[in-house]
Every structure is written in structure tokens, then in C-alpha cells.
């Protein structure tokens, strides 16, 4: 039950961090708007709501990481969530890039292994 409360708190604090991120930006708060893309299709942009959503998601992920890697205190959850919320999109992008880089490395290792097996069988056919 305690972890559930920490997760809820981290999401709220992540959203708060996302709001701080909006305040720190040059544009300020941007309302959602519609626009036409290069193919003349109508698209909806969430505007600054994107930062709030990403901040909440980053706060949630930081809490899960804190709970799974250490014995967290309420202060570590608060700090991780706010800082992750402020960095929001860049934090999630960094996590995604780390995951993608690891998968690319695994794929390249598998390709190297297959190429070595192929060359040991007499080269390309």
C-alpha cells in the first residue's frame, strides 16, 4: 500500500515538475491547437499539456526505478519525481535511447556471430 501512495505522489510531483518546465521555457503555456501537416491532414497538438503528461510519466518511472533499485525514502521519491518531471521528455527520451542502443548492440553482436559462422563454413554462397 505504501508503494501505491509513493507512485501517486511521484506522478503528482512529476506533473508539478512538468509545470515548472513550462514556466522555465521561453514560450510559456501553449493551449492545444490544430494544424495541417505537410500532407494537408489536420492534426491536434497537445501544446503544453504534453509537458505535464511527460512530467507525470517521468515521475512515475523515476519512482518505479527508485523502489526497485534501493530502499527509498519519501525525500528521494520527492526529489527524483520533481527533477524527472522538470526534465520530462528528455528523461524519457534518454531511457528510450538507452533501451534502443542496447537492442542495437545485441543485434550487431548476433550479426557478427552469424557472419563468423558463415565465413567458417566457406564464405558466402
Protein backbone atom coordinates (compact mmCIF):
# COMPACT_ATOMS: atom_id res chain seq x y z
CA UNK A 1 0.00 0.00 0.00
CA UNK A 2 2.89 2.33 0.80
CA UNK A 3 4.34 1.89 -2.70
CA UNK A 4 0.98 2.83 -4.24
CA UNK A 5 0.96 6.11 -2.32
CA UNK A 6 4.55 6.79 -3.40
CA UNK A 7 3.63 6.16 -7.03
CA UNK A 8 0.63 8.52 -6.82
CA UNK A 9 2.78 11.15 -5.11
CA UNK A 10 5.51 10.77 -7.72
CA UNK A 11 3.03 11.26 -10.57
CA UNK A 12 1.65 14.42 -8.97
CA UNK A 13 5.15 15.73 -8.30
CA UNK A 14 6.20 14.82 -11.85
CA UNK A 15 3.29 16.86 -13.20
CA UNK A 16 4.37 19.71 -10.94
CA UNK A 17 7.89 19.39 -12.34
CA UNK A 18 6.42 19.47 -15.85
CA UNK A 19 4.65 22.70 -14.93
CA UNK A 20 7.95 24.15 -13.68
CA UNK A 21 9.45 23.13 -17.03
CA UNK A 22 6.73 25.13 -18.81
CA UNK A 23 7.45 28.15 -16.59
CA UNK A 24 11.18 27.89 -17.37
CA UNK A 25 10.62 27.79 -21.13
CA UNK A 26 10.53 30.88 -23.31
CA UNK A 27 7.10 30.12 -24.79
CA UNK A 28 5.09 29.86 -21.58
CA UNK A 29 1.87 27.84 -21.54
CA UNK A 30 0.60 26.93 -25.01
CA UNK A 31 -3.01 25.78 -25.35
CA UNK A 32 -3.84 22.76 -27.51
CA UNK A 33 -4.26 23.64 -31.18
CA UNK A 34 -4.97 22.10 -34.58
CA UNK A 35 -2.61 22.38 -37.54
CA UNK A 36 -2.19 20.99 -41.06
CA UNK A 37 0.78 18.71 -41.73
CA UNK A 38 2.73 18.51 -44.99
CA UNK A 39 0.13 16.08 -46.42
CA UNK A 40 -2.64 18.56 -45.60
CA UNK A 41 -4.05 16.36 -42.83
CA UNK A 42 -5.47 18.04 -39.74
CA UNK A 43 -3.51 17.21 -36.60
CA UNK A 44 -4.04 18.08 -32.95
CA UNK A 45 -1.10 19.29 -30.86
CA UNK A 46 -1.47 18.99 -27.09
CA UNK A 47 0.58 22.17 -26.59
CA UNK A 48 1.99 22.50 -23.09
CA UNK A 49 -0.21 19.66 -21.82
CA UNK A 50 2.44 17.43 -23.38
CA UNK A 51 4.98 18.60 -20.78
CA UNK A 52 2.54 17.90 -17.95
CA UNK A 53 1.82 14.39 -19.24
CA UNK A 54 5.50 13.64 -19.85
CA UNK A 55 6.36 15.05 -16.42
CA UNK A 56 3.84 12.74 -14.78
CA UNK A 57 5.16 9.78 -16.77
CA UNK A 58 8.75 10.62 -15.90
CA UNK A 59 7.81 10.98 -12.23
CA UNK A 60 6.14 7.57 -12.33
CA UNK A 61 9.15 5.92 -13.98
CA UNK A 62 11.59 7.55 -11.56
CA UNK A 63 9.54 6.24 -8.64
CA UNK A 64 9.48 2.71 -10.03
CA UNK A 65 13.25 2.84 -10.56
CA UNK A 66 13.80 4.19 -7.03
CA UNK A 67 11.57 1.50 -5.49
CA UNK A 68 13.20 -1.33 -7.45
CA UNK A 69 16.86 -0.30 -7.02
CA UNK A 70 17.11 0.88 -3.43
CA UNK A 71 15.28 1.32 -0.17
CA UNK A 72 13.68 4.68 -0.97
CA UNK A 73 12.74 7.36 1.49
CA UNK A 74 9.98 9.86 0.95
CA UNK A 75 12.60 12.55 0.23
CA UNK A 76 14.30 10.55 -2.51
CA UNK A 77 10.92 9.93 -4.14
CA UNK A 78 10.09 13.64 -3.96
CA UNK A 79 13.43 14.76 -5.40
CA UNK A 80 13.54 12.13 -8.15
CA UNK A 81 9.96 12.87 -9.20
CA UNK A 82 10.32 16.65 -9.32
CA UNK A 83 13.63 16.56 -11.19
CA UNK A 84 12.36 13.91 -13.59
CA UNK A 85 9.19 15.96 -14.13
CA UNK A 86 11.19 19.08 -14.92
CA UNK A 87 13.29 17.25 -17.47
CA UNK A 88 10.19 15.28 -18.60
CA UNK A 89 10.58 14.48 -22.28
CA UNK A 90 14.36 14.45 -22.26
CA UNK A 91 14.37 11.97 -19.34
CA UNK A 92 12.03 9.59 -21.14
CA UNK A 93 13.92 10.06 -24.40
CA UNK A 94 17.18 9.17 -22.66
CA UNK A 95 15.61 5.99 -21.24
CA UNK A 96 14.28 5.06 -24.68
CA UNK A 97 17.64 5.77 -26.35
CA UNK A 98 19.41 3.60 -23.77
CA UNK A 99 16.99 0.76 -24.46
CA UNK A 100 17.30 1.14 -28.24
CA UNK A 101 21.11 1.29 -28.05
CA UNK A 102 21.17 -1.93 -26.03
CA UNK A 103 18.93 -3.68 -28.59
CA UNK A 104 21.11 -2.41 -31.45
CA UNK A 105 24.23 -3.76 -29.72
CA UNK A 106 22.57 -7.15 -29.24
CA UNK A 107 21.52 -7.18 -32.90
CA UNK A 108 25.04 -6.26 -34.06
CA UNK A 109 26.56 -8.99 -31.88
CA UNK A 110 24.15 -11.51 -33.38
CA UNK A 111 25.05 -10.34 -36.90
CA UNK A 112 28.77 -10.64 -36.13
CA UNK A 113 28.20 -14.15 -34.82
CA UNK A 114 26.26 -15.14 -37.94
CA UNK A 115 28.96 -13.65 -40.20
CA UNK A 116 31.66 -15.59 -38.36
CA UNK A 117 29.68 -18.81 -38.71
CA UNK A 118 29.14 -18.09 -42.38
CA UNK A 119 32.84 -17.41 -43.02
CA UNK A 120 33.86 -20.56 -41.12
CA UNK A 121 31.62 -22.62 -43.43
CA UNK A 122 33.47 -21.48 -46.53
CA UNK A 123 32.37 -17.92 -47.15
CA UNK A 124 29.39 -16.54 -48.94
CA UNK A 125 27.36 -18.80 -51.14
